[in-house]
């Protein structure tokens, strides 16, 4: 809906102002420009931080999202007093999603990108992402259809463990 309103306002901005300029009505031309600019501004009201009156001055909000580090160096001063181990029972689909999230040149992945890389349907990926998010292993950034997913620090550790397990599978010796 917003895209249609923006398209109509932009067409009105160009069309009406050009028409009024062509027939020699500068006041009407200025009013049509002002009305179009206001319509375009109000379709993006959620992104505007600052707005002024008659001179029409608007400032866009800065988009701030948390970035998840792909690799972070551990602090050398903090030595854990005890050894802790976390274990996750991953099904094959969740394992594929973790590998797709971590094994990429992108920190943030879209649902379609994950589906393309993992070969899983979007519904299966959503279930896996929900589980990963609930367990603090993945985080979402964005809204609506523009949600991107990334691994948290713990999720990155899980990815490293999954990759290592795939690279060095355990050797099972059959009993005699």
C-alpha atoms as a PDB file:
ATOM      1  CA  UNK A   1       0.000   0.000   0.000  1.00  0.00           C
ATOM      2  CA  UNK A   2       2.782   2.414   0.908  1.00  0.00           C
ATOM      3  CA  UNK A   3       4.556   1.773  -2.397  1.00  0.00           C
ATOM      4  CA  UNK A   4       1.413   2.707  -4.337  1.00  0.00           C
ATOM      5  CA  UNK A   5       0.985   5.907  -2.354  1.00  0.00           C
ATOM      6  CA  UNK A   6       4.638   6.794  -2.902  1.00  0.00           C
ATOM      7  CA  UNK A   7       4.335   6.097  -6.632  1.00  0.00           C
ATOM      8  CA  UNK A   8       1.215   8.250  -6.925  1.00  0.00           C
ATOM      9  CA  UNK A   9       2.777  11.075  -4.888  1.00  0.00           C
ATOM     10  CA  UNK A  10       5.944  10.955  -6.981  1.00  0.00           C
ATOM     11  CA  UNK A  11       3.932  10.972 -10.235  1.00  0.00           C
ATOM     12  CA  UNK A  12       1.899  13.905  -8.907  1.00  0.00           C
ATOM     13  CA  UNK A  13       5.125  15.665  -7.956  1.00  0.00           C
ATOM     14  CA  UNK A  14       6.474  15.397 -11.483  1.00  0.00           C
ATOM     15  CA  UNK A  15       3.232  15.605 -13.437  1.00  0.00           C
ATOM     16  CA  UNK A  16       1.317  18.347 -11.655  1.00  0.00           C
ATOM     17  CA  UNK A  17       4.312  20.601 -11.068  1.00  0.00           C
ATOM     18  CA  UNK A  18       5.362  20.253 -14.718  1.00  0.00           C
ATOM     19  CA  UNK A  19       1.826  20.998 -15.905  1.00  0.00           C
ATOM     20  CA  UNK A  20       1.419  24.081 -13.701  1.00  0.00           C
ATOM     21  CA  UNK A  21       4.878  25.289 -14.714  1.00  0.00           C
ATOM     22  CA  UNK A  22       4.019  24.802 -18.398  1.00  0.00           C
ATOM     23  CA  UNK A  23       0.798  26.829 -18.183  1.00  0.00           C
ATOM     24  CA  UNK A  24       2.516  29.572 -16.162  1.00  0.00           C
ATOM     25  CA  UNK A  25       1.002  29.145 -12.691  1.00  0.00           C
ATOM     26  CA  UNK A  26       3.952  29.211 -10.279  1.00  0.00           C
ATOM     27  CA  UNK A  27       1.836  29.362  -7.102  1.00  0.00           C
ATOM     28  CA  UNK A  28      -0.078  26.225  -8.027  1.00  0.00           C
ATOM     29  CA  UNK A  29       3.179  24.580  -9.080  1.00  0.00           C
ATOM     30  CA  UNK A  30       4.731  25.324  -5.679  1.00  0.00           C
ATOM     31  CA  UNK A  31       1.652  24.045  -3.837  1.00  0.00           C
ATOM     32  CA  UNK A  32       1.628  20.809  -5.823  1.00  0.00           C
ATOM     33  CA  UNK A  33       5.324  20.297  -5.049  1.00  0.00           C
ATOM     34  CA  UNK A  34       4.716  20.955  -1.338  1.00  0.00           C
ATOM     35  CA  UNK A  35       1.729  18.599  -1.232  1.00  0.00           C
ATOM     36  CA  UNK A  36       3.682  15.836  -2.977  1.00  0.00           C
ATOM     37  CA  UNK A  37       6.702  16.223  -0.730  1.00  0.00           C
ATOM     38  CA  UNK A  38       4.493  16.111   2.372  1.00  0.00           C
ATOM     39  CA  UNK A  39       2.768  12.970   1.085  1.00  0.00           C
ATOM     40  CA  UNK A  40       6.135  11.318   0.448  1.00  0.00           C
ATOM     41  CA  UNK A  41       7.366  12.372   3.902  1.00  0.00           C
ATOM     42  CA  UNK A  42       4.316  10.968   5.667  1.00  0.00           C
ATOM     43  CA  UNK A  43       4.597   7.628   3.880  1.00  0.00           C
ATOM     44  CA  UNK A  44       8.050   7.365   5.499  1.00  0.00           C
ATOM     45  CA  UNK A  45       7.033   8.829   8.883  1.00  0.00           C
ATOM     46  CA  UNK A  46       8.452   5.852  10.786  1.00  0.00           C
ATOM     47  CA  UNK A  47      11.904   6.665   9.430  1.00  0.00           C
ATOM     48  CA  UNK A  48      11.845  10.408  10.174  1.00  0.00           C
ATOM     49  CA  UNK A  49      13.586  11.716  13.282  1.00  0.00           C
ATOM     50  CA  UNK A  50      13.296  15.484  12.775  1.00  0.00           C
ATOM     51  CA  UNK A  51      10.702  17.580  10.966  1.00  0.00           C
ATOM     52  CA  UNK A  52      10.389  21.365  10.411  1.00  0.00           C
ATOM     53  CA  UNK A  53       7.401  23.420   9.292  1.00  0.00           C
ATOM     54  CA  UNK A  54       6.854  25.754   6.327  1.00  0.00           C
ATOM     55  CA  UNK A  55      10.311  25.351   4.875  1.00  0.00           C
ATOM     56  CA  UNK A  56       9.742  21.591   5.095  1.00  0.00           C
ATOM     57  CA  UNK A  57      12.878  20.112   6.547  1.00  0.00           C
ATOM     58  CA  UNK A  58      12.892  16.447   7.520  1.00  0.00           C
ATOM     59  CA  UNK A  59      15.760  14.296   8.728  1.00  0.00           C
ATOM     60  CA  UNK A  60      15.801  10.521   8.332  1.00  0.00           C
ATOM     61  CA  UNK A  61      16.365   8.321  11.369  1.00  0.00           C
ATOM     62  CA  UNK A  62      19.562   6.363  11.579  1.00  0.00           C
ATOM     63  CA  UNK A  63      18.901   2.660  11.234  1.00  0.00           C
ATOM     64  CA  UNK A  64      20.567   1.041  14.197  1.00  0.00           C
ATOM     65  CA  UNK A  65      20.755  -2.718  14.462  1.00  0.00           C
ATOM     66  CA  UNK A  66      22.991  -4.913  16.536  1.00  0.00           C
ATOM     67  CA  UNK A  67      25.682  -6.621  14.548  1.00  0.00           C
ATOM     68  CA  UNK A  68      26.795 -10.109  15.439  1.00  0.00           C
ATOM     69  CA  UNK A  69      30.523 -10.659  15.196  1.00  0.00           C
ATOM     70  CA  UNK A  70      31.616 -13.535  12.991  1.00  0.00           C
ATOM     71  CA  UNK A  71      34.678 -14.164  15.074  1.00  0.00           C
ATOM     72  CA  UNK A  72      35.605 -12.378  18.262  1.00  0.00           C
ATOM     73  CA  UNK A  73      38.809 -12.808  20.137  1.00  0.00           C
ATOM     74  CA  UNK A  74      38.274 -13.940  23.738  1.00  0.00           C
ATOM     75  CA  UNK A  75      39.372 -11.638  26.532  1.00  0.00           C
ATOM     76  CA  UNK A  76      42.635 -12.788  28.069  1.00  0.00           C
ATOM     77  CA  UNK A  77      41.970 -11.497  31.594  1.00  0.00           C
ATOM     78  CA  UNK A  78      38.828 -13.526  32.284  1.00  0.00           C
ATOM     79  CA  UNK A  79      39.736 -17.077  33.245  1.00  0.00           C
ATOM     80  CA  UNK A  80      36.755 -19.326  33.958  1.00  0.00           C
ATOM     81  CA  UNK A  81      36.871 -21.006  37.367  1.00  0.00           C
ATOM     82  CA  UNK A  82      35.177 -24.150  36.082  1.00  0.00           C
ATOM     83  CA  UNK A  83      34.818 -25.963  32.813  1.00  0.00           C
ATOM     84  CA  UNK A  84      31.275 -25.756  31.433  1.00  0.00           C
ATOM     85  CA  UNK A  85      29.827 -27.679  28.531  1.00  0.00           C
ATOM     86  CA  UNK A  86      26.635 -26.973  26.627  1.00  0.00           C
ATOM     87  CA  UNK A  87      25.173 -29.644  24.414  1.00  0.00           C
ATOM     88  CA  UNK A  88      22.376 -29.244  21.890  1.00  0.00           C
ATOM     89  CA  UNK A  89      20.496 -32.066  20.238  1.00  0.00           C
ATOM     90  CA  UNK A  90      20.127 -30.855  16.670  1.00  0.00           C
ATOM     91  CA  UNK A  91      18.021 -32.564  14.062  1.00  0.00           C
ATOM     92  CA  UNK A  92      19.390 -32.657  10.508  1.00  0.00           C
ATOM     93  CA  UNK A  93      17.261 -29.690   9.332  1.00  0.00           C
ATOM     94  CA  UNK A  94      18.417 -27.428  12.182  1.00  0.00           C
ATOM     95  CA  UNK A  95      22.005 -28.521  11.540  1.00  0.00           C
ATOM     96  CA  UNK A  96      21.634 -27.460   7.871  1.00  0.00           C
ATOM     97  CA  UNK A  97      20.240 -24.074   8.922  1.00  0.00           C
ATOM     98  CA  UNK A  98      23.124 -23.535  11.375  1.00  0.00           C
ATOM     99  CA  UNK A  99      25.615 -24.414   8.640  1.00  0.00           C
ATOM    100  CA  UNK A 100      23.894 -22.035   6.199  1.00  0.00           C
ATOM    101  CA  UNK A 101      23.882 -19.228   8.760  1.00  0.00           C
ATOM    102  CA  UNK A 102      27.547 -19.657   9.620  1.00  0.00           C
ATOM    103  CA  UNK A 103      29.041 -20.852   6.365  1.00  0.00           C
ATOM    104  CA  UNK A 104      28.569 -17.690   4.368  1.00  0.00           C
ATOM    105  CA  UNK A 105      30.290 -14.496   3.387  1.00  0.00           C
ATOM    106  CA  UNK A 106      27.279 -12.664   4.879  1.00  0.00           C
ATOM    107  CA  UNK A 107      26.717 -12.092   8.594  1.00  0.00           C
ATOM    108  CA  UNK A 108      22.963 -11.567   8.069  1.00  0.00           C
ATOM    109  CA  UNK A 109      20.965 -14.054   6.001  1.00  0.00           C
ATOM    110  CA  UNK A 110      17.472 -13.801   4.542  1.00  0.00           C
ATOM    111  CA  UNK A 111      14.963 -16.627   4.600  1.00  0.00           C
ATOM    112  CA  UNK A 112      15.224 -17.047   0.824  1.00  0.00           C
ATOM    113  CA  UNK A 113      19.026 -17.152   0.984  1.00  0.00           C
ATOM    114  CA  UNK A 114      18.888 -19.794   3.707  1.00  0.00           C
ATOM    115  CA  UNK A 115      16.378 -21.832   1.693  1.00  0.00           C
ATOM    116  CA  UNK A 116      18.535 -21.613  -1.423  1.00  0.00           C
ATOM    117  CA  UNK A 117      21.708 -22.702   0.379  1.00  0.00           C
ATOM    118  CA  UNK A 118      20.227 -25.384   2.631  1.00  0.00           C
ATOM    119  CA  UNK A 119      17.733 -26.826   0.127  1.00  0.00           C
ATOM    120  CA  UNK A 120      15.016 -26.796   2.800  1.00  0.00           C
ATOM    121  CA  UNK A 121      11.519 -25.329   2.458  1.00  0.00           C
ATOM    122  CA  UNK A 122      10.851 -21.979   4.160  1.00  0.00           C
ATOM    123  CA  UNK A 123       8.461 -23.531   6.696  1.00  0.00           C
ATOM    124  CA  UNK A 124      11.147 -25.962   7.904  1.00  0.00           C
ATOM    125  CA  UNK A 125      13.686 -23.137   8.132  1.00  0.00           C
ATOM    126  CA  UNK A 126      11.252 -21.016  10.167  1.00  0.00           C
ATOM    127  CA  UNK A 127      10.844 -23.847  12.690  1.00  0.00           C
ATOM    128  CA  UNK A 128      14.620 -24.236  12.977  1.00  0.00           C
ATOM    129  CA  UNK A 129      15.145 -20.457  13.292  1.00  0.00           C
ATOM    130  CA  UNK A 130      12.496 -20.274  16.007  1.00  0.00           C
ATOM    131  CA  UNK A 131      14.260 -23.028  17.971  1.00  0.00           C
ATOM    132  CA  UNK A 132      17.666 -21.384  17.483  1.00  0.00           C
ATOM    133  CA  UNK A 133      16.270 -18.021  18.580  1.00  0.00           C
ATOM    134  CA  UNK A 134      14.558 -19.493  21.647  1.00  0.00           C
ATOM    135  CA  UNK A 135      17.874 -21.081  22.702  1.00  0.00           C
ATOM    136  CA  UNK A 136      19.881 -17.878  22.182  1.00  0.00           C
ATOM    137  CA  UNK A 137      21.785 -19.222  19.194  1.00  0.00           C
ATOM    138  CA  UNK A 138      20.330 -16.974  16.459  1.00  0.00           C
ATOM    139  CA  UNK A 139      18.996 -13.439  16.359  1.00  0.00           C
ATOM    140  CA  UNK A 140      16.697 -11.633  13.918  1.00  0.00           C
ATOM    141  CA  UNK A 141      17.178  -8.098  12.642  1.00  0.00           C
ATOM    142  CA  UNK A 142      14.638  -6.103  10.646  1.00  0.00           C
ATOM    143  CA  UNK A 143      10.865  -6.102  10.343  1.00  0.00           C
ATOM    144  CA  UNK A 144       8.215  -7.682   8.154  1.00  0.00           C
ATOM    145  CA  UNK A 145       9.524  -9.353   5.038  1.00  0.00           C
ATOM    146  CA  UNK A 146      12.948  -7.788   5.483  1.00  0.00           C
ATOM    147  CA  UNK A 147      13.967  -9.881   8.479  1.00  0.00           C
ATOM    148  CA  UNK A 148      17.514 -11.182   8.353  1.00  0.00           C
ATOM    149  CA  UNK A 149      19.013 -13.795  10.630  1.00  0.00           C
ATOM    150  CA  UNK A 150      22.454 -14.159  12.130  1.00  0.00           C
ATOM    151  CA  UNK A 151      24.210 -16.292  14.705  1.00  0.00           C
ATOM    152  CA  UNK A 152      24.898 -15.074  18.216  1.00  0.00           C
ATOM    153  CA  UNK A 153      28.290 -15.716  19.797  1.00  0.00           C
ATOM    154  CA  UNK A 154      26.971 -18.997  21.220  1.00  0.00           C
ATOM    155  CA  UNK A 155      25.496 -19.825  17.830  1.00  0.00           C
ATOM    156  CA  UNK A 156      28.886 -19.216  16.232  1.00  0.00           C
ATOM    157  CA  UNK A 157      30.420 -21.665  18.722  1.00  0.00           C
ATOM    158  CA  UNK A 158      27.748 -24.215  17.801  1.00  0.00           C
ATOM    159  CA  UNK A 159      28.498 -23.665  14.110  1.00  0.00           C
ATOM    160  CA  UNK A 160      32.195 -24.272  14.772  1.00  0.00           C
ATOM    161  CA  UNK A 161      31.330 -27.489  16.635  1.00  0.00           C
ATOM    162  CA  UNK A 162      29.004 -28.662  13.835  1.00  0.00           C
ATOM    163  CA  UNK A 163      31.673 -27.889  11.221  1.00  0.00           C
ATOM    164  CA  UNK A 164      34.355 -29.688  13.220  1.00  0.00           C
ATOM    165  CA  UNK A 165      32.101 -32.736  13.697  1.00  0.00           C
ATOM    166  CA  UNK A 166      31.463 -32.851   9.960  1.00  0.00           C
ATOM    167  CA  UNK A 167      35.140 -32.401   9.100  1.00  0.00           C
ATOM    168  CA  UNK A 168      36.406 -34.957  11.637  1.00  0.00           C
ATOM    169  CA  UNK A 169      33.670 -37.587  12.082  1.00  0.00           C
ATOM    170  CA  UNK A 170      34.286 -40.075  14.842  1.00  0.00           C
ATOM    171  CA  UNK A 171      35.520 -43.478  13.799  1.00  0.00           C
ATOM    172  CA  UNK A 172      33.265 -46.297  14.938  1.00  0.00           C
ATOM    173  CA  UNK A 173      35.052 -49.601  15.354  1.00  0.00           C
ATOM    174  CA  UNK A 174      32.671 -52.568  14.985  1.00  0.00           C
ATOM    175  CA  UNK A 175      32.640 -55.013  17.903  1.00  0.00           C
ATOM    176  CA  UNK A 176      33.991 -58.484  17.134  1.00  0.00           C
END
